């Protein structure tokens, strides 16, 4: 069928738009920052985050249990997987929230929790995420308000195993116990010491 001449520009534009790759309605980000209850609470507070899931990743044991991960024998880290709407919040913003929600100066521990299962890490899913994470870390090293070096690694995402149901949304289901743990572990006090008014990022 011959397209009338006046409609050619509009038709060509429509065809060009159809040829563009569709932007994902949602994306996934994965972070390890010590206790996954606390990481869920921090990321759930960010506009544009659709859901968070506590789980285990970065290790060698398939379908691990909390008890196995807690023993430190699986190689997994307590982690949180974040589903977000990139039209409402960027991956770069999530990185900013991540950094000021952790102590990036220590290895294999966070606050009162000690062991490789409580290490920090950024698990990238795409090359774009890897580049953004590396750029974010480099910028943070340049502008950080403390002297200690940043030791949080940036590694490729591996299989993510959701934690048991009672861990999901723990801070909402058990607010008193959660607050007692977070305060007693010294998480917020240390974050304020490191980041000042930036602590928490939201």
Protein backbone atom coordinates (compact mmCIF):
# COMPACT_ATOMS: atom_id res chain seq x y z
CA UNK A 1 0.00 0.00 0.00
CA UNK A 2 1.34 3.43 -0.92
CA UNK A 3 1.51 5.86 2.04
CA UNK A 4 0.29 9.37 1.10
CA UNK A 5 3.18 11.84 0.99
CA UNK A 6 1.97 14.09 3.87
CA UNK A 7 1.91 11.05 6.21
CA UNK A 8 5.43 9.88 5.43
CA UNK A 9 7.23 11.73 8.29
CA UNK A 10 4.74 10.51 10.91
CA UNK A 11 4.81 6.98 9.57
CA UNK A 12 8.60 6.92 9.54
CA UNK A 13 8.71 8.22 13.12
CA UNK A 14 6.30 5.52 14.26
CA UNK A 15 8.38 2.83 12.58
CA UNK A 16 11.55 4.22 14.15
CA UNK A 17 9.99 4.18 17.62
CA UNK A 18 8.88 0.58 17.13
CA UNK A 19 12.44 -0.36 16.24
CA UNK A 20 13.81 1.01 19.53
CA UNK A 21 14.40 -1.53 22.30
CA UNK A 22 11.64 -1.37 24.89
CA UNK A 23 12.73 0.01 28.26
CA UNK A 24 12.20 -2.48 31.03
CA UNK A 25 9.24 -1.65 33.22
CA UNK A 26 11.25 -2.87 36.22
CA UNK A 27 14.87 -3.65 36.98
CA UNK A 28 16.67 -5.63 39.67
CA UNK A 29 19.52 -4.55 41.92
CA UNK A 30 21.25 -6.74 44.50
CA UNK A 31 23.26 -5.55 47.49
CA UNK A 32 24.85 -7.07 50.59
CA UNK A 33 25.09 -4.79 53.59
CA UNK A 34 25.06 -6.90 56.70
CA UNK A 35 21.71 -7.70 58.29
CA UNK A 36 19.17 -8.03 55.49
CA UNK A 37 16.32 -6.88 57.73
CA UNK A 38 17.99 -3.48 57.92
CA UNK A 39 18.73 -3.32 54.21
CA UNK A 40 15.10 -4.08 53.39
CA UNK A 41 13.95 -1.25 55.64
CA UNK A 42 16.42 1.21 54.08
CA UNK A 43 15.51 0.44 50.48
CA UNK A 44 11.76 0.17 51.06
CA UNK A 45 11.85 3.82 52.09
CA UNK A 46 13.07 4.89 48.63
CA UNK A 47 10.36 6.16 46.23
CA UNK A 48 10.40 4.05 43.07
CA UNK A 49 11.38 0.84 44.85
CA UNK A 50 8.64 -1.71 44.18
CA UNK A 51 9.78 -4.55 46.43
CA UNK A 52 12.69 -5.91 48.43
CA UNK A 53 13.50 -9.53 49.17
CA UNK A 54 15.91 -10.77 51.82
CA UNK A 55 18.09 -13.64 50.70
CA UNK A 56 21.48 -15.22 50.21
CA UNK A 57 23.95 -14.92 47.35
CA UNK A 58 27.62 -14.96 46.48
CA UNK A 59 28.34 -18.42 47.89
CA UNK A 60 28.61 -22.04 46.79
CA UNK A 61 25.74 -23.86 48.53
CA UNK A 62 22.48 -24.33 46.62
CA UNK A 63 19.25 -23.53 48.43
CA UNK A 64 20.91 -22.68 51.74
CA UNK A 65 19.05 -22.30 55.00
CA UNK A 66 19.48 -19.40 57.38
CA UNK A 67 21.26 -21.68 59.84
CA UNK A 68 23.72 -22.79 57.15
CA UNK A 69 24.44 -19.24 56.03
CA UNK A 70 24.78 -18.05 59.62
CA UNK A 71 27.46 -20.66 60.23
CA UNK A 72 29.65 -18.97 57.64
CA UNK A 73 30.26 -22.26 55.83
CA UNK A 74 28.27 -21.56 52.64
CA UNK A 75 30.15 -18.54 51.36
CA UNK A 76 26.86 -16.68 50.94
CA UNK A 77 26.22 -13.18 52.19
CA UNK A 78 22.97 -11.93 53.64
CA UNK A 79 21.67 -9.79 50.79
CA UNK A 80 18.67 -7.90 49.55
CA UNK A 81 17.28 -7.97 46.03
CA UNK A 82 15.57 -4.74 45.04
CA UNK A 83 12.96 -4.51 42.28
CA UNK A 84 12.63 -0.90 41.15
CA UNK A 85 10.99 1.26 38.53
CA UNK A 86 13.81 2.96 36.56
CA UNK A 87 11.36 5.66 35.46
CA UNK A 88 11.00 6.71 39.11
CA UNK A 89 14.37 5.94 40.65
CA UNK A 90 17.72 5.41 38.98
CA UNK A 91 20.22 2.69 39.75
CA UNK A 92 22.65 5.47 40.58
CA UNK A 93 20.29 6.70 43.31
CA UNK A 94 20.08 3.19 44.74
CA UNK A 95 23.88 3.10 44.85
CA UNK A 96 23.88 6.36 46.81
CA UNK A 97 21.40 4.91 49.30
CA UNK A 98 23.44 1.73 49.59
CA UNK A 99 26.72 3.47 50.41
CA UNK A 100 25.32 5.61 53.21
CA UNK A 101 23.43 2.63 54.67
CA UNK A 102 26.59 0.58 55.29
CA UNK A 103 30.06 0.81 56.77
CA UNK A 104 32.20 0.28 53.64
CA UNK A 105 35.48 0.44 55.58
CA UNK A 106 35.41 -3.06 57.10
CA UNK A 107 35.71 -6.56 55.66
CA UNK A 108 33.56 -9.51 56.63
CA UNK A 109 31.46 -7.71 59.20
CA UNK A 110 28.86 -4.98 59.65
CA UNK A 111 28.40 -3.32 63.01
CA UNK A 112 27.90 -6.04 65.68
CA UNK A 113 27.61 -8.87 63.13
CA UNK A 114 30.90 -10.58 62.31
CA UNK A 115 31.65 -13.11 59.56
CA UNK A 116 31.82 -13.39 55.78
CA UNK A 117 28.03 -13.80 55.72
CA UNK A 118 27.80 -10.14 56.84
CA UNK A 119 30.20 -8.71 54.27
CA UNK A 120 29.21 -5.84 52.02
CA UNK A 121 29.06 -6.12 48.23
CA UNK A 122 27.41 -4.72 45.13
CA UNK A 123 26.24 -7.53 42.84
CA UNK A 124 25.84 -6.17 39.33
CA UNK A 125 23.37 -7.68 36.84
CA UNK A 126 24.32 -5.80 33.66
CA UNK A 127 27.35 -4.06 32.22
CA UNK A 128 25.56 -0.75 32.76
CA UNK A 129 25.20 -1.56 36.46
CA UNK A 130 28.85 -2.60 36.72
CA UNK A 131 30.04 0.66 35.18
CA UNK A 132 27.68 2.71 37.33
CA UNK A 133 28.82 0.91 40.49
CA UNK A 134 32.50 1.37 39.68
CA UNK A 135 31.97 5.06 38.89
CA UNK A 136 30.00 5.50 42.11
CA UNK A 137 32.73 3.84 44.18
CA UNK A 138 35.44 5.95 42.57
CA UNK A 139 33.49 9.15 43.22
CA UNK A 140 32.84 8.12 46.80
CA UNK A 141 36.53 7.40 47.38
CA UNK A 142 37.23 10.92 46.20
CA UNK A 143 34.56 12.65 48.31
CA UNK A 144 34.11 10.42 51.38
CA UNK A 145 33.97 12.24 54.74
CA UNK A 146 36.29 9.70 56.46
CA UNK A 147 39.91 8.64 55.96
CA UNK A 148 39.61 4.84 55.87
CA UNK A 149 39.61 3.20 52.41
CA UNK A 150 36.45 1.70 50.92
CA UNK A 151 36.77 -2.08 50.77
CA UNK A 152 33.30 -3.05 49.48
CA UNK A 153 33.73 -5.22 46.35
CA UNK A 154 31.75 -4.97 43.11
CA UNK A 155 31.06 -8.45 41.74
CA UNK A 156 28.89 -10.13 39.15
CA UNK A 157 25.49 -11.25 40.42
CA UNK A 158 25.04 -14.97 41.01
CA UNK A 159 22.02 -17.07 41.93
CA UNK A 160 19.92 -15.34 44.57
CA UNK A 161 18.13 -17.55 47.07
CA UNK A 162 15.22 -15.89 48.90
CA UNK A 163 15.42 -16.28 52.66
CA UNK A 164 12.77 -18.04 54.71
CA UNK A 165 9.40 -16.34 54.95
CA UNK A 166 9.81 -15.16 58.52
CA UNK A 167 12.76 -12.99 57.43
CA UNK A 168 10.79 -11.13 54.77
CA UNK A 169 9.58 -7.70 55.95
CA UNK A 170 10.83 -8.54 59.43
CA UNK A 171 11.02 -4.88 60.37
CA UNK A 172 7.30 -4.52 59.67
CA UNK A 173 6.19 -7.78 61.26
CA UNK A 174 8.31 -7.36 64.41
CA UNK A 175 8.92 -3.60 64.81
CA UNK A 176 9.88 -3.69 68.49
CA UNK A 177 12.36 -6.54 68.13
CA UNK A 178 13.73 -5.01 64.95
CA UNK A 179 14.28 -1.60 66.56
CA UNK A 180 15.92 -3.23 69.58
CA UNK A 181 18.28 -5.18 67.31
CA UNK A 182 19.16 -2.23 65.07
CA UNK A 183 19.82 0.08 67.99
CA UNK A 184 21.64 -2.54 70.05
CA UNK A 185 23.86 -3.46 67.11
CA UNK A 186 24.97 0.17 66.83
CA UNK A 187 24.09 0.43 63.16
CA UNK A 188 22.64 3.94 63.09
CA UNK A 189 25.22 5.33 65.53
CA UNK A 190 28.06 4.10 63.30
CA UNK A 191 26.35 5.37 60.15
CA UNK A 192 26.04 8.84 61.67
CA UNK A 193 29.69 8.67 62.69
CA UNK A 194 30.71 7.83 59.12
CA UNK A 195 28.26 9.84 57.05
CA UNK A 196 26.85 12.54 59.31
CA UNK A 197 23.59 13.97 57.99
CA UNK A 198 23.89 11.82 54.85
CA UNK A 199 23.41 8.60 56.87
CA UNK A 200 20.46 6.61 55.55
CA UNK A 201 20.30 8.49 52.26
CA UNK A 202 16.57 9.30 52.27
